[in-house]
Amino acid sequence: MTISELLSRLFGKTNTSANSACSRLRMVLAHDRSDLSPAMLDQMRLEIMEVVSKYLELDHTGSELTLETEERSTALVANLPIRRVRKLGR
């Protein structure tokens, strides 16, 4: 962790437009490195939401699936606000 990262975590980030631009750049890099087309990513997002929705009632307005790249690894990050757990019949 760099000193600037540590300070950002301790005191919060102040330049929101720069942070937003950096976040968008990371997303573009993640998409490029993963070699996923936008259509494939959208299809994957729909399928993940469909599967998770079998078990949980989600707030779809706050749901977000993104690819994040840090150094040499890319991760699929899902932020899925949960309203409630569904009861499954046995």
C-alpha atoms as a PDB file:
ATOM      1  CA  MET A   1       0.000   0.000   0.000  1.00  0.00           C
ATOM      2  CA  THR A   2       1.351   3.395  -0.940  1.00  0.00           C
ATOM      3  CA  ILE A   3       1.317   6.420   1.337  1.00  0.00           C
ATOM      4  CA  SER A   4      -1.303   8.136  -0.822  1.00  0.00           C
ATOM      5  CA  GLU A   5      -3.574   5.069  -0.550  1.00  0.00           C
ATOM      6  CA  LEU A   6      -3.139   5.033   3.223  1.00  0.00           C
ATOM      7  CA  LEU A   7      -3.931   8.737   3.496  1.00  0.00           C
ATOM      8  CA  SER A   8      -6.961   8.321   1.250  1.00  0.00           C
ATOM      9  CA  ARG A   9      -8.287   5.571   3.479  1.00  0.00           C
ATOM     10  CA  LEU A  10      -7.636   7.529   6.659  1.00  0.00           C
ATOM     11  CA  PHE A  11      -8.980  10.903   5.578  1.00  0.00           C
ATOM     12  CA  GLY A  12     -11.307  10.049   2.731  1.00  0.00           C
ATOM     13  CA  LYS A  13     -10.994  11.108  -0.853  1.00  0.00           C
ATOM     14  CA  THR A  14     -11.521  14.751  -1.614  1.00  0.00           C
ATOM     15  CA  ASN A  15     -11.308  15.051  -5.402  1.00  0.00           C
ATOM     16  CA  THR A  16     -14.436  13.213  -6.523  1.00  0.00           C
ATOM     17  CA  SER A  17     -14.088  13.954 -10.245  1.00  0.00           C
ATOM     18  CA  ALA A  18     -10.562  12.548 -10.283  1.00  0.00           C
ATOM     19  CA  ASN A  19     -11.719   9.514  -8.307  1.00  0.00           C
ATOM     20  CA  SER A  20     -14.593   8.990 -10.713  1.00  0.00           C
ATOM     21  CA  ALA A  21     -12.280   9.215 -13.728  1.00  0.00           C
ATOM     22  CA  CYS A  22      -9.854   6.782 -12.112  1.00  0.00           C
ATOM     23  CA  SER A  23     -12.686   4.351 -11.395  1.00  0.00           C
ATOM     24  CA  ARG A  24     -13.912   4.524 -15.002  1.00  0.00           C
ATOM     25  CA  LEU A  25     -10.380   3.940 -16.281  1.00  0.00           C
ATOM     26  CA  ARG A  26     -10.007   0.885 -14.038  1.00  0.00           C
ATOM     27  CA  MET A  27     -13.297  -0.467 -15.368  1.00  0.00           C
ATOM     28  CA  VAL A  28     -12.201   0.034 -18.980  1.00  0.00           C
ATOM     29  CA  LEU A  29      -8.898  -1.708 -18.268  1.00  0.00           C
ATOM     30  CA  ALA A  30     -10.687  -4.583 -16.557  1.00  0.00           C
ATOM     31  CA  HIS A  31     -12.996  -5.047 -19.540  1.00  0.00           C
ATOM     32  CA  ASP A  32     -10.061  -4.949 -21.946  1.00  0.00           C
ATOM     33  CA  ARG A  33      -8.053  -7.469 -19.943  1.00  0.00           C
ATOM     34  CA  SER A  34     -10.955  -9.848 -19.447  1.00  0.00           C
ATOM     35  CA  ASP A  35     -11.820  -9.868 -23.159  1.00  0.00           C
ATOM     36  CA  LEU A  36     -15.560  -9.797 -22.354  1.00  0.00           C
ATOM     37  CA  SER A  37     -17.770  -8.022 -24.834  1.00  0.00           C
ATOM     38  CA  PRO A  38     -20.406  -5.638 -23.424  1.00  0.00           C
ATOM     39  CA  ALA A  39     -23.124  -8.007 -24.663  1.00  0.00           C
ATOM     40  CA  MET A  40     -21.514 -10.970 -22.894  1.00  0.00           C
ATOM     41  CA  LEU A  41     -21.122  -8.957 -19.683  1.00  0.00           C
ATOM     42  CA  ASP A  42     -24.799  -7.925 -19.827  1.00  0.00           C
ATOM     43  CA  GLN A  43     -25.867 -11.538 -20.393  1.00  0.00           C
ATOM     44  CA  MET A  44     -23.707 -12.686 -17.485  1.00  0.00           C
ATOM     45  CA  ARG A  45     -25.195  -9.939 -15.285  1.00  0.00           C
ATOM     46  CA  LEU A  46     -28.746 -11.061 -16.137  1.00  0.00           C
ATOM     47  CA  GLU A  47     -27.970 -14.722 -15.443  1.00  0.00           C
ATOM     48  CA  ILE A  48     -26.277 -13.958 -12.116  1.00  0.00           C
ATOM     49  CA  MET A  49     -29.223 -11.793 -11.048  1.00  0.00           C
ATOM     50  CA  GLU A  50     -31.643 -14.570 -12.061  1.00  0.00           C
ATOM     51  CA  VAL A  51     -29.818 -17.203 -10.004  1.00  0.00           C
ATOM     52  CA  VAL A  52     -29.359 -14.998  -6.927  1.00  0.00           C
ATOM     53  CA  SER A  53     -33.020 -13.912  -7.142  1.00  0.00           C
ATOM     54  CA  LYS A  54     -34.075 -17.531  -6.581  1.00  0.00           C
ATOM     55  CA  TYR A  55     -32.714 -17.275  -3.039  1.00  0.00           C
ATOM     56  CA  LEU A  56     -32.886 -13.574  -2.218  1.00  0.00           C
ATOM     57  CA  GLU A  57     -35.242 -10.712  -3.003  1.00  0.00           C
ATOM     58  CA  LEU A  58     -32.967  -8.030  -4.426  1.00  0.00           C
ATOM     59  CA  ASP A  59     -33.294  -4.288  -4.805  1.00  0.00           C
ATOM     60  CA  HIS A  60     -32.532  -4.140  -8.531  1.00  0.00           C
ATOM     61  CA  THR A  61     -32.235  -0.337  -8.557  1.00  0.00           C
ATOM     62  CA  GLY A  62     -29.117  -0.524  -6.390  1.00  0.00           C
ATOM     63  CA  SER A  63     -27.600  -3.634  -7.957  1.00  0.00           C
ATOM     64  CA  GLU A  64     -24.232  -3.352  -9.641  1.00  0.00           C
ATOM     65  CA  LEU A  65     -21.859  -5.835 -11.266  1.00  0.00           C
ATOM     66  CA  THR A  66     -18.441  -4.559 -12.257  1.00  0.00           C
ATOM     67  CA  LEU A  67     -15.044  -5.835 -13.264  1.00  0.00           C
ATOM     68  CA  GLU A  68     -12.205  -4.430 -11.207  1.00  0.00           C
ATOM     69  CA  THR A  69      -8.524  -4.732 -11.957  1.00  0.00           C
ATOM     70  CA  GLU A  70      -5.792  -4.364  -9.396  1.00  0.00           C
ATOM     71  CA  GLU A  71      -2.243  -4.959 -10.503  1.00  0.00           C
ATOM     72  CA  ARG A  72      -2.387  -8.199 -12.527  1.00  0.00           C
ATOM     73  CA  SER A  73      -5.721  -9.649 -11.420  1.00  0.00           C
ATOM     74  CA  THR A  74      -9.288  -8.925 -12.459  1.00  0.00           C
ATOM     75  CA  ALA A  75     -12.291  -9.585 -10.228  1.00  0.00           C
ATOM     76  CA  LEU A  76     -16.020  -9.633 -10.847  1.00  0.00           C
ATOM     77  CA  VAL A  77     -17.548  -7.603  -8.029  1.00  0.00           C
ATOM     78  CA  ALA A  78     -21.261  -7.842  -7.282  1.00  0.00           C
ATOM     79  CA  ASN A  79     -23.016  -5.279  -5.133  1.00  0.00           C
ATOM     80  CA  LEU A  80     -26.523  -6.695  -4.711  1.00  0.00           C
ATOM     81  CA  PRO A  81     -28.658  -4.978  -2.053  1.00  0.00           C
ATOM     82  CA  ILE A  82     -30.820  -7.623  -0.368  1.00  0.00           C
ATOM     83  CA  ARG A  83     -34.392  -6.879   0.681  1.00  0.00           C
ATOM     84  CA  ARG A  84     -35.042 -10.284   2.254  1.00  0.00           C
ATOM     85  CA  VAL A  85     -34.194 -13.975   2.081  1.00  0.00           C
ATOM     86  CA  ARG A  86     -36.731 -16.085   0.205  1.00  0.00           C
ATOM     87  CA  LYS A  87     -38.191 -19.149   1.893  1.00  0.00           C
ATOM     88  CA  LEU A  88     -37.574 -22.256  -0.170  1.00  0.00           C
ATOM     89  CA  GLY A  89     -40.027 -25.141  -0.262  1.00  0.00           C
ATOM     90  CA  ARG A  90     -38.524 -28.513   0.525  1.00  0.00           C
END
